[in-house]
Amino acid sequence: MKQIEVQIMGQGYVLGCPEGGENRLSEAVSKVDQAMCKIRDAGKIKARDRIAVLAALNLAFDLTDRPAAANNTDSQASTSDLHNLLQRMDAVLARDNQLI
């Protein structure tokens, strides 16, 4: 597994990335960064952990808006992927412990 350094809301993170997954990870980082910056720039919330939770909920809600998968296996994979993403975000936030 490769280690990739990324920036989210100006904060650097080192993330594990499977071989060949760099483009997907970069796209995911971009979506998370955009979602978090949008919330931060609205000006009502300053705490990084709260911004991350709201961004995660917004992204998860967007995923539920997608048409139902034709195959239940695809749906289970999406749920598993979302669960893994949320766990990774929790782990990063637990290490960060910084407020804006």
PDB file of N, CA and C in Angstrom:
ATOM      1  N   MET A   1       0.840  -1.168   0.000  1.00  0.00           N
ATOM      2  CA  MET A   1       0.000   0.000   0.000  1.00  0.00           C
ATOM      3  C   MET A   1       0.892   1.241   0.000  1.00  0.00           C
ATOM      4  N   LYS A   2       0.560   2.182  -0.861  1.00  0.00           N
ATOM      5  CA  LYS A   2       1.326   3.422  -0.968  1.00  0.00           C
ATOM      6  C   LYS A   2       0.854   4.420   0.081  1.00  0.00           C
ATOM      7  N   GLN A   3       1.728   5.333   0.430  1.00  0.00           N
ATOM      8  CA  GLN A   3       1.394   6.447   1.309  1.00  0.00           C
ATOM      9  C   GLN A   3       1.333   7.704   0.446  1.00  0.00           C
ATOM     10  N   ILE A   4       0.227   8.399   0.492  1.00  0.00           N
ATOM     11  CA  ILE A   4       0.025   9.599  -0.308  1.00  0.00           C
ATOM     12  C   ILE A   4      -0.224  10.776   0.635  1.00  0.00           C
ATOM     13  N   GLU A   5       0.489  11.878   0.406  1.00  0.00           N
ATOM     14  CA  GLU A   5       0.249  13.083   1.203  1.00  0.00           C
ATOM     15  C   GLU A   5      -0.758  13.956   0.481  1.00  0.00           C
ATOM     16  N   VAL A   6      -1.786  14.392   1.203  1.00  0.00           N
ATOM     17  CA  VAL A   6      -2.845  15.223   0.631  1.00  0.00           C
ATOM     18  C   VAL A   6      -3.095  16.422   1.536  1.00  0.00           C
ATOM     19  N   GLN A   7      -3.821  17.389   1.013  1.00  0.00           N
ATOM     20  CA  GLN A   7      -4.222  18.569   1.773  1.00  0.00           C
ATOM     21  C   GLN A   7      -5.744  18.638   1.786  1.00  0.00           C
ATOM     22  N   ILE A   8      -6.303  18.785   2.983  1.00  0.00           N
ATOM     23  CA  ILE A   8      -7.735  18.995   3.132  1.00  0.00           C
ATOM     24  C   ILE A   8      -7.907  20.204   4.036  1.00  0.00           C
ATOM     25  N   MET A   9      -8.542  21.221   3.526  1.00  0.00           N
ATOM     26  CA  MET A   9      -8.741  22.472   4.250  1.00  0.00           C
ATOM     27  C   MET A   9      -7.429  23.032   4.769  1.00  0.00           C
ATOM     28  N   GLY A  10      -6.379  22.905   3.949  1.00  0.00           N
ATOM     29  CA  GLY A  10      -5.077  23.451   4.306  1.00  0.00           C
ATOM     30  C   GLY A  10      -4.272  22.616   5.280  1.00  0.00           C
ATOM     31  N   GLN A  11      -4.813  21.513   5.725  1.00  0.00           N
ATOM     32  CA  GLN A  11      -4.136  20.622   6.676  1.00  0.00           C
ATOM     33  C   GLN A  11      -3.597  19.413   5.905  1.00  0.00           C
ATOM     34  N   GLY A  12      -2.349  19.059   6.150  1.00  0.00           N
ATOM     35  CA  GLY A  12      -1.747  17.915   5.479  1.00  0.00           C
ATOM     36  C   GLY A  12      -2.095  16.600   6.162  1.00  0.00           C
ATOM     37  N   TYR A  13      -2.336  15.571   5.369  1.00  0.00           N
ATOM     38  CA  TYR A  13      -2.621  14.226   5.860  1.00  0.00           C
ATOM     39  C   TYR A  13      -1.852  13.232   5.008  1.00  0.00           C
ATOM     40  N   VAL A  14      -1.376  12.170   5.622  1.00  0.00           N
ATOM     41  CA  VAL A  14      -0.765  11.066   4.895  1.00  0.00           C
ATOM     42  C   VAL A  14      -1.762   9.919   4.933  1.00  0.00           C
ATOM     43  N   LEU A  15      -2.176   9.478   3.750  1.00  0.00           N
ATOM     44  CA  LEU A  15      -3.202   8.445   3.639  1.00  0.00           C
ATOM     45  C   LEU A  15      -2.642   7.202   2.952  1.00  0.00           C
ATOM     46  N   GLY A  16      -3.103   6.054   3.380  1.00  0.00           N
ATOM     47  CA  GLY A  16      -2.766   4.817   2.694  1.00  0.00           C
ATOM     48  C   GLY A  16      -3.607   4.709   1.434  1.00  0.00           C
ATOM     49  N   CYS A  17      -2.995   4.227   0.373  1.00  0.00           N
ATOM     50  CA  CYS A  17      -3.680   4.125  -0.907  1.00  0.00           C
ATOM     51  C   CYS A  17      -3.255   2.840  -1.604  1.00  0.00           C
ATOM     52  N   PRO A  18      -4.211   2.006  -2.032  1.00  0.00           N
ATOM     53  CA  PRO A  18      -3.825   0.804  -2.759  1.00  0.00           C
ATOM     54  C   PRO A  18      -3.209   1.160  -4.107  1.00  0.00           C
ATOM     55  N   GLU A  19      -2.326   0.302  -4.583  1.00  0.00           N
ATOM     56  CA  GLU A  19      -1.696   0.518  -5.888  1.00  0.00           C
ATOM     57  C   GLU A  19      -2.775   0.716  -6.947  1.00  0.00           C
ATOM     58  N   GLY A  20      -2.599   1.730  -7.762  1.00  0.00           N
ATOM     59  CA  GLY A  20      -3.556   2.009  -8.830  1.00  0.00           C
ATOM     60  C   GLY A  20      -4.762   2.814  -8.376  1.00  0.00           C
ATOM     61  N   GLY A  21      -4.857   3.136  -7.098  1.00  0.00           N
ATOM     62  CA  GLY A  21      -6.015   3.862  -6.589  1.00  0.00           C
ATOM     63  C   GLY A  21      -5.776   5.354  -6.409  1.00  0.00           C
ATOM     64  N   GLU A  22      -4.651   5.846  -6.912  1.00  0.00           N
ATOM     65  CA  GLU A  22      -4.283   7.239  -6.695  1.00  0.00           C
ATOM     66  C   GLU A  22      -5.312   8.213  -7.261  1.00  0.00           C
ATOM     67  N   ASN A  23      -5.807   7.945  -8.453  1.00  0.00           N
ATOM     68  CA  ASN A  23      -6.783   8.857  -9.065  1.00  0.00           C
ATOM     69  C   ASN A  23      -8.091   8.879  -8.275  1.00  0.00           C
ATOM     70  N   ARG A  24      -8.554   7.716  -7.859  1.00  0.00           N
ATOM     71  CA  ARG A  24      -9.789   7.656  -7.066  1.00  0.00           C
ATOM     72  C   ARG A  24      -9.610   8.361  -5.735  1.00  0.00           C
ATOM     73  N   LEU A  25      -8.455   8.159  -5.093  1.00  0.00           N
ATOM     74  CA  LEU A  25      -8.191   8.820  -3.817  1.00  0.00           C
ATOM     75  C   LEU A  25      -8.121  10.331  -4.015  1.00  0.00           C
ATOM     76  N   SER A  26      -7.463  10.770  -5.066  1.00  0.00           N
ATOM     77  CA  SER A  26      -7.356  12.199  -5.348  1.00  0.00           C
ATOM     78  C   SER A  26      -8.737  12.811  -5.566  1.00  0.00           C
ATOM     79  N   GLU A  27      -9.592  12.110  -6.272  1.00  0.00           N
ATOM     80  CA  GLU A  27     -10.960  12.583  -6.509  1.00  0.00           C
ATOM     81  C   GLU A  27     -11.734  12.652  -5.191  1.00  0.00           C
ATOM     82  N   ALA A  28     -11.572  11.650  -4.343  1.00  0.00           N
ATOM     83  CA  ALA A  28     -12.261  11.636  -3.047  1.00  0.00           C
ATOM     84  C   ALA A  28     -11.767  12.778  -2.165  1.00  0.00           C
ATOM     85  N   VAL A  29     -10.461  12.982  -2.137  1.00  0.00           N
ATOM     86  CA  VAL A  29      -9.880  14.075  -1.344  1.00  0.00           C
ATOM     87  C   VAL A  29     -10.428  15.411  -1.831  1.00  0.00           C
ATOM     88  N   SER A  30     -10.508  15.584  -3.141  1.00  0.00           N
ATOM     89  CA  SER A  30     -11.020  16.823  -3.707  1.00  0.00           C
ATOM     90  C   SER A  30     -12.464  17.061  -3.277  1.00  0.00           C
ATOM     91  N   LYS A  31     -13.293  16.025  -3.311  1.00  0.00           N
ATOM     92  CA  LYS A  31     -14.694  16.159  -2.900  1.00  0.00           C
ATOM     93  C   LYS A  31     -14.805  16.511  -1.421  1.00  0.00           C
ATOM     94  N   VAL A  32     -14.008  15.851  -0.592  1.00  0.00           N
ATOM     95  CA  VAL A  32     -14.037  16.127   0.849  1.00  0.00           C
ATOM     96  C   VAL A  32     -13.548  17.545   1.117  1.00  0.00           C
ATOM     97  N   ASP A  33     -12.462  17.947   0.458  1.00  0.00           N
ATOM     98  CA  ASP A  33     -11.922  19.290   0.643  1.00  0.00           C
ATOM     99  C   ASP A  33     -12.952  20.339   0.242  1.00  0.00           C
ATOM    100  N   GLN A  34     -13.587  20.148  -0.896  1.00  0.00           N
ATOM    101  CA  GLN A  34     -14.598  21.101  -1.360  1.00  0.00           C
ATOM    102  C   GLN A  34     -15.763  21.184  -0.386  1.00  0.00           C
ATOM    103  N   ALA A  35     -16.230  20.021   0.086  1.00  0.00           N
ATOM    104  CA  ALA A  35     -17.359  19.995   1.014  1.00  0.00           C
ATOM    105  C   ALA A  35     -17.005  20.693   2.325  1.00  0.00           C
ATOM    106  N   MET A  36     -15.811  20.420   2.850  1.00  0.00           N
ATOM    107  CA  MET A  36     -15.399  21.021   4.117  1.00  0.00           C
ATOM    108  C   MET A  36     -15.162  22.525   3.964  1.00  0.00           C
ATOM    109  N   CYS A  37     -14.529  22.941   2.879  1.00  0.00           N
ATOM    110  CA  CYS A  37     -14.276  24.373   2.665  1.00  0.00           C
ATOM    111  C   CYS A  37     -15.583  25.144   2.498  1.00  0.00           C
ATOM    112  N   LYS A  38     -16.546  24.536   1.837  1.00  0.00           N
ATOM    113  CA  LYS A  38     -17.849  25.180   1.653  1.00  0.00           C
ATOM    114  C   LYS A  38     -18.509  25.444   3.006  1.00  0.00           C
ATOM    115  N   ILE A  39     -18.456  24.462   3.894  1.00  0.00           N
ATOM    116  CA  ILE A  39     -19.035  24.622   5.235  1.00  0.00           C
ATOM    117  C   ILE A  39     -18.258  25.671   6.024  1.00  0.00           C
ATOM    118  N   ARG A  40     -16.930  25.585   5.988  1.00  0.00           N
ATOM    119  CA  ARG A  40     -16.084  26.555   6.694  1.00  0.00           C
ATOM    120  C   ARG A  40     -16.334  27.968   6.187  1.00  0.00           C
ATOM    121  N   ASP A  41     -16.421  28.123   4.873  1.00  0.00           N
ATOM    122  CA  ASP A  41     -16.569  29.444   4.282  1.00  0.00           C
ATOM    123  C   ASP A  41     -17.948  30.052   4.545  1.00  0.00           C
ATOM    124  N   ALA A  42     -18.917  29.216   4.895  1.00  0.00           N
ATOM    125  CA  ALA A  42     -20.234  29.738   5.269  1.00  0.00           C
ATOM    126  C   ALA A  42     -20.124  30.533   6.569  1.00  0.00           C
ATOM    127  N   GLY A  43     -19.072  30.251   7.354  1.00  0.00           N
ATOM    128  CA  GLY A  43     -18.743  31.075   8.503  1.00  0.00           C
ATOM    129  C   GLY A  43     -19.418  30.766   9.815  1.00  0.00           C
ATOM    130  N   LYS A  44     -20.308  29.809   9.859  1.00  0.00           N
ATOM    131  CA  LYS A  44     -21.032  29.548  11.103  1.00  0.00           C
ATOM    132  C   LYS A  44     -20.329  28.540  11.995  1.00  0.00           C
ATOM    133  N   ILE A  45     -19.520  27.676  11.414  1.00  0.00           N
ATOM    134  CA  ILE A  45     -18.864  26.613  12.175  1.00  0.00           C
ATOM    135  C   ILE A  45     -17.363  26.751  11.991  1.00  0.00           C
ATOM    136  N   LYS A  46     -16.635  26.716  13.091  1.00  0.00           N
ATOM    137  CA  LYS A  46     -15.183  26.887  13.038  1.00  0.00           C
ATOM    138  C   LYS A  46     -14.411  25.625  13.407  1.00  0.00           C
ATOM    139  N   ALA A  47     -14.992  24.745  14.190  1.00  0.00           N
ATOM    140  CA  ALA A  47     -14.282  23.551  14.661  1.00  0.00           C
ATOM    141  C   ALA A  47     -14.125  22.552  13.515  1.00  0.00           C
ATOM    142  N   ARG A  48     -12.875  22.153  13.273  1.00  0.00           N
ATOM    143  CA  ARG A  48     -12.563  21.239  12.172  1.00  0.00           C
ATOM    144  C   ARG A  48     -13.338  19.925  12.288  1.00  0.00           C
ATOM    145  N   ASP A  49     -13.474  19.385  13.506  1.00  0.00           N
ATOM    146  CA  ASP A  49     -14.173  18.106  13.650  1.00  0.00           C
ATOM    147  C   ASP A  49     -15.648  18.239  13.302  1.00  0.00           C
ATOM    148  N   ARG A  50     -16.262  19.333  13.666  1.00  0.00           N
ATOM    149  CA  ARG A  50     -17.680  19.545  13.324  1.00  0.00           C
ATOM    150  C   ARG A  50     -17.849  19.730  11.816  1.00  0.00           C
ATOM    151  N   ILE A  51     -16.934  20.458  11.215  1.00  0.00           N
ATOM    152  CA  ILE A  51     -16.973  20.643   9.762  1.00  0.00           C
ATOM    153  C   ILE A  51     -16.849  19.292   9.070  1.00  0.00           C
ATOM    154  N   ALA A  52     -15.933  18.437   9.556  1.00  0.00           N
ATOM    155  CA  ALA A  52     -15.730  17.117   8.945  1.00  0.00           C
ATOM    156  C   ALA A  52     -16.976  16.256   9.067  1.00  0.00           C
ATOM    157  N   VAL A  53     -17.625  16.296  10.230  1.00  0.00           N
ATOM    158  CA  VAL A  53     -18.834  15.490  10.425  1.00  0.00           C
ATOM    159  C   VAL A  53     -19.934  15.964   9.482  1.00  0.00           C
ATOM    160  N   LEU A  54     -20.134  17.262   9.392  1.00  0.00           N
ATOM    161  CA  LEU A  54     -21.168  17.779   8.490  1.00  0.00           C
ATOM    162  C   LEU A  54     -20.856  17.455   7.033  1.00  0.00           C
ATOM    163  N   ALA A  55     -19.593  17.574   6.651  1.00  0.00           N
ATOM    164  CA  ALA A  55     -19.210  17.231   5.275  1.00  0.00           C
ATOM    165  C   ALA A  55     -19.463  15.748   5.006  1.00  0.00           C
ATOM    166  N   ALA A  56     -19.104  14.893   5.973  1.00  0.00           N
ATOM    167  CA  ALA A  56     -19.332  13.448   5.811  1.00  0.00           C
ATOM    168  C   ALA A  56     -20.819  13.149   5.669  1.00  0.00           C
ATOM    169  N   LEU A  57     -21.635  13.805   6.475  1.00  0.00           N
ATOM    170  CA  LEU A  57     -23.082  13.587   6.377  1.00  0.00           C
ATOM    171  C   LEU A  57     -23.620  14.069   5.035  1.00  0.00           C
ATOM    172  N   ASN A  58     -23.146  15.218   4.572  1.00  0.00           N
ATOM    173  CA  ASN A  58     -23.589  15.716   3.265  1.00  0.00           C
ATOM    174  C   ASN A  58     -23.197  14.764   2.143  1.00  0.00           C
ATOM    175  N   LEU A  59     -21.954  14.280   2.181  1.00  0.00           N
ATOM    176  CA  LEU A  59     -21.499  13.343   1.153  1.00  0.00           C
ATOM    177  C   LEU A  59     -22.266  12.022   1.222  1.00  0.00           C
ATOM    178  N   ALA A  60     -22.518  11.539   2.427  1.00  0.00           N
ATOM    179  CA  ALA A  60     -23.285  10.294   2.587  1.00  0.00           C
ATOM    180  C   ALA A  60     -24.710  10.487   2.083  1.00  0.00           C
ATOM    181  N   PHE A  61     -25.305  11.623   2.382  1.00  0.00           N
ATOM    182  CA  PHE A  61     -26.653  11.917   1.901  1.00  0.00           C
ATOM    183  C   PHE A  61     -26.680  11.939   0.378  1.00  0.00           C
ATOM    184  N   ASP A  62     -25.658  12.545  -0.229  1.00  0.00           N
ATOM    185  CA  ASP A  62     -25.571  12.556  -1.690  1.00  0.00           C
ATOM    186  C   ASP A  62     -25.505  11.133  -2.248  1.00  0.00           C
ATOM    187  N   LEU A  63     -24.800  10.244  -1.556  1.00  0.00           N
ATOM    188  CA  LEU A  63     -24.713   8.853  -2.008  1.00  0.00           C
ATOM    189  C   LEU A  63     -26.074   8.168  -1.954  1.00  0.00           C
ATOM    190  N   THR A  64     -26.888   8.505  -0.963  1.00  0.00           N
ATOM    191  CA  THR A  64     -28.213   7.879  -0.861  1.00  0.00           C
ATOM    192  C   THR A  64     -29.154   8.392  -1.937  1.00  0.00           C
ATOM    193  N   ASP A  65     -28.845   9.537  -2.536  1.00  0.00           N
ATOM    194  CA  ASP A  65     -29.659  10.090  -3.618  1.00  0.00           C
ATOM    195  C   ASP A  65     -29.456   9.351  -4.933  1.00  0.00           C
ATOM    196  N   ARG A  66     -28.365   8.595  -5.037  1.00  0.00           N
ATOM    197  CA  ARG A  66     -28.102   7.858  -6.275  1.00  0.00           C
ATOM    198  C   ARG A  66     -29.171   6.779  -6.461  1.00  0.00           C
ATOM    199  N   PRO A  67     -29.472   6.444  -7.724  1.00  0.00           N
ATOM    200  CA  PRO A  67     -30.450   5.382  -7.970  1.00  0.00           C
ATOM    201  C   PRO A  67     -30.006   4.072  -7.319  1.00  0.00           C
ATOM    202  N   ALA A  68     -30.976   3.306  -6.858  1.00  0.00           N
ATOM    203  CA  ALA A  68     -30.675   2.031  -6.208  1.00  0.00           C
ATOM    204  C   ALA A  68     -29.912   1.137  -7.171  1.00  0.00           C
ATOM    205  N   ALA A  69     -28.954   0.421  -6.637  1.00  0.00           N
ATOM    206  CA  ALA A  69     -28.149  -0.489  -7.456  1.00  0.00           C
ATOM    207  C   ALA A  69     -29.029  -1.626  -7.963  1.00  0.00           C
ATOM    208  N   ALA A  70     -28.783  -2.026  -9.194  1.00  0.00           N
ATOM    209  CA  ALA A  70     -29.560  -3.120  -9.779  1.00  0.00           C
ATOM    210  C   ALA A  70     -29.257  -4.425  -9.069  1.00  0.00           C
ATOM    211  N   ASN A  71     -28.099  -4.481  -8.471  1.00  0.00           N
ATOM    212  CA  ASN A  71     -27.647  -5.705  -7.822  1.00  0.00           C
ATOM    213  C   ASN A  71     -27.395  -5.409  -6.354  1.00  0.00           C
ATOM    214  N   ASN A  72     -27.933  -6.210  -5.457  1.00  0.00           N
ATOM    215  CA  ASN A  72     -27.776  -5.992  -4.021  1.00  0.00           C
ATOM    216  C   ASN A  72     -26.306  -6.032  -3.607  1.00  0.00           C
ATOM    217  N   THR A  73     -25.480  -6.798  -4.292  1.00  0.00           N
ATOM    218  CA  THR A  73     -24.052  -6.870  -3.975  1.00  0.00           C
ATOM    219  C   THR A  73     -23.404  -5.506  -4.154  1.00  0.00           C
ATOM    220  N   ASP A  74     -23.773  -4.785  -5.227  1.00  0.00           N
ATOM    221  CA  ASP A  74     -23.247  -3.441  -5.441  1.00  0.00           C
ATOM    222  C   ASP A  74     -23.652  -2.523  -4.301  1.00  0.00           C
ATOM    223  N   SER A  75     -24.895  -2.643  -3.860  1.00  0.00           N
ATOM    224  CA  SER A  75     -25.390  -1.816  -2.764  1.00  0.00           C
ATOM    225  C   SER A  75     -24.624  -2.107  -1.480  1.00  0.00           C
ATOM    226  N   GLN A  76     -24.356  -3.390  -1.211  1.00  0.00           N
ATOM    227  CA  GLN A  76     -23.603  -3.753  -0.021  1.00  0.00           C
ATOM    228  C   GLN A  76     -22.176  -3.224  -0.103  1.00  0.00           C
ATOM    229  N   ALA A  77     -21.594  -3.256  -1.287  1.00  0.00           N
ATOM    230  CA  ALA A  77     -20.232  -2.744  -1.452  1.00  0.00           C
ATOM    231  C   ALA A  77     -20.207  -1.249  -1.188  1.00  0.00           C
ATOM    232  N   SER A  78     -21.207  -0.525  -1.665  1.00  0.00           N
ATOM    233  CA  SER A  78     -21.260   0.912  -1.436  1.00  0.00           C
ATOM    234  C   SER A  78     -21.402   1.222   0.045  1.00  0.00           C
ATOM    235  N   THR A  79     -22.234   0.482   0.737  1.00  0.00           N
ATOM    236  CA  THR A  79     -22.409   0.675   2.175  1.00  0.00           C
ATOM    237  C   THR A  79     -21.112   0.374   2.909  1.00  0.00           C
ATOM    238  N   SER A  80     -20.446  -0.677   2.507  1.00  0.00           N
ATOM    239  CA  SER A  80     -19.168  -1.034   3.123  1.00  0.00           C
ATOM    240  C   SER A  80     -18.124   0.041   2.858  1.00  0.00           C
ATOM    241  N   ASP A  81     -18.066   0.545   1.628  1.00  0.00           N
ATOM    242  CA  ASP A  81     -17.121   1.614   1.283  1.00  0.00           C
ATOM    243  C   ASP A  81     -17.386   2.862   2.116  1.00  0.00           C
ATOM    244  N   LEU A  82     -18.654   3.221   2.268  1.00  0.00           N
ATOM    245  CA  LEU A  82     -19.010   4.390   3.064  1.00  0.00           C
ATOM    246  C   LEU A  82     -18.616   4.193   4.521  1.00  0.00           C
ATOM    247  N   HIS A  83     -18.879   3.010   5.046  1.00  0.00           N
ATOM    248  CA  HIS A  83     -18.518   2.712   6.434  1.00  0.00           C
ATOM    249  C   HIS A  83     -17.000   2.819   6.627  1.00  0.00           C
ATOM    250  N   ASN A  84     -16.238   2.269   5.680  1.00  0.00           N
ATOM    251  CA  ASN A  84     -14.772   2.348   5.760  1.00  0.00           C
ATOM    252  C   ASN A  84     -14.291   3.796   5.688  1.00  0.00           C
ATOM    253  N   LEU A  85     -14.897   4.597   4.818  1.00  0.00           N
ATOM    254  CA  LEU A  85     -14.520   5.996   4.702  1.00  0.00           C
ATOM    255  C   LEU A  85     -14.775   6.737   6.017  1.00  0.00           C
ATOM    256  N   LEU A  86     -15.935   6.508   6.614  1.00  0.00           N
ATOM    257  CA  LEU A  86     -16.254   7.169   7.877  1.00  0.00           C
ATOM    258  C   LEU A  86     -15.301   6.739   8.991  1.00  0.00           C
ATOM    259  N   GLN A  87     -14.922   5.473   9.016  1.00  0.00           N
ATOM    260  CA  GLN A  87     -13.964   5.009  10.018  1.00  0.00           C
ATOM    261  C   GLN A  87     -12.609   5.682   9.824  1.00  0.00           C
ATOM    262  N   ARG A  88     -12.158   5.818   8.569  1.00  0.00           N
ATOM    263  CA  ARG A  88     -10.876   6.467   8.301  1.00  0.00           C
ATOM    264  C   ARG A  88     -10.914   7.936   8.688  1.00  0.00           C
ATOM    265  N   MET A  89     -12.059   8.604   8.427  1.00  0.00           N
ATOM    266  CA  MET A  89     -12.192  10.007   8.822  1.00  0.00           C
ATOM    267  C   MET A  89     -12.153  10.140  10.340  1.00  0.00           C
ATOM    268  N   ASP A  90     -12.829   9.235  11.045  1.00  0.00           N
ATOM    269  CA  ASP A  90     -12.807   9.251  12.513  1.00  0.00           C
ATOM    270  C   ASP A  90     -11.384   9.094  13.031  1.00  0.00           C
ATOM    271  N   ALA A  91     -10.621   8.194  12.421  1.00  0.00           N
ATOM    272  CA  ALA A  91      -9.248   7.949  12.868  1.00  0.00           C
ATOM    273  C   ALA A  91      -8.375   9.180  12.654  1.00  0.00           C
ATOM    274  N   VAL A  92      -8.539   9.827  11.508  1.00  0.00           N
ATOM    275  CA  VAL A  92      -7.742  11.028  11.224  1.00  0.00           C
ATOM    276  C   VAL A  92      -8.121  12.142  12.185  1.00  0.00           C
ATOM    277  N   LEU A  93      -9.415  12.327  12.413  1.00  0.00           N
ATOM    278  CA  LEU A  93      -9.856  13.384  13.319  1.00  0.00           C
ATOM    279  C   LEU A  93      -9.408  13.109  14.751  1.00  0.00           C
ATOM    280  N   ALA A  94      -9.374  11.857  15.143  1.00  0.00           N
ATOM    281  CA  ALA A  94      -8.935  11.518  16.496  1.00  0.00           C
ATOM    282  C   ALA A  94      -7.474  11.887  16.695  1.00  0.00           C
ATOM    283  N   ARG A  95      -6.667  11.752  15.650  1.00  0.00           N
ATOM    284  CA  ARG A  95      -5.254  12.122  15.734  1.00  0.00           C
ATOM    285  C   ARG A  95      -5.052  13.622  15.647  1.00  0.00           C
ATOM    286  N   ASP A  96      -5.946  14.311  14.958  1.00  0.00           N
ATOM    287  CA  ASP A  96      -5.765  15.739  14.680  1.00  0.00           C
ATOM    288  C   ASP A  96      -5.973  16.581  15.952  1.00  0.00           C
ATOM    289  N   ASN A  97      -7.114  16.466  16.582  1.00  0.00           N
ATOM    290  CA  ASN A  97      -7.449  17.189  17.813  1.00  0.00           C
ATOM    291  C   ASN A  97      -7.145  18.678  17.750  1.00  0.00           C
ATOM    292  N   GLN A  98      -7.298  19.290  16.597  1.00  0.00           N
ATOM    293  CA  GLN A  98      -7.060  20.723  16.468  1.00  0.00           C
ATOM    294  C   GLN A  98      -8.339  21.408  16.049  1.00  0.00           C
ATOM    295  N   LEU A  99      -8.523  22.591  16.571  1.00  0.00           N
ATOM    296  CA  LEU A  99      -9.639  23.430  16.153  1.00  0.00           C
ATOM    297  C   LEU A  99      -9.107  24.538  15.283  1.00  0.00           C
ATOM    298  N   ILE A 100      -9.946  25.021  14.409  1.00  0.00           N
ATOM    299  CA  ILE A 100      -9.542  26.118  13.528  1.00  0.00           C
ATOM    300  C   ILE A 100      -9.504  27.398  14.336  1.00  0.00           C
TER     301      ILE A 100
END
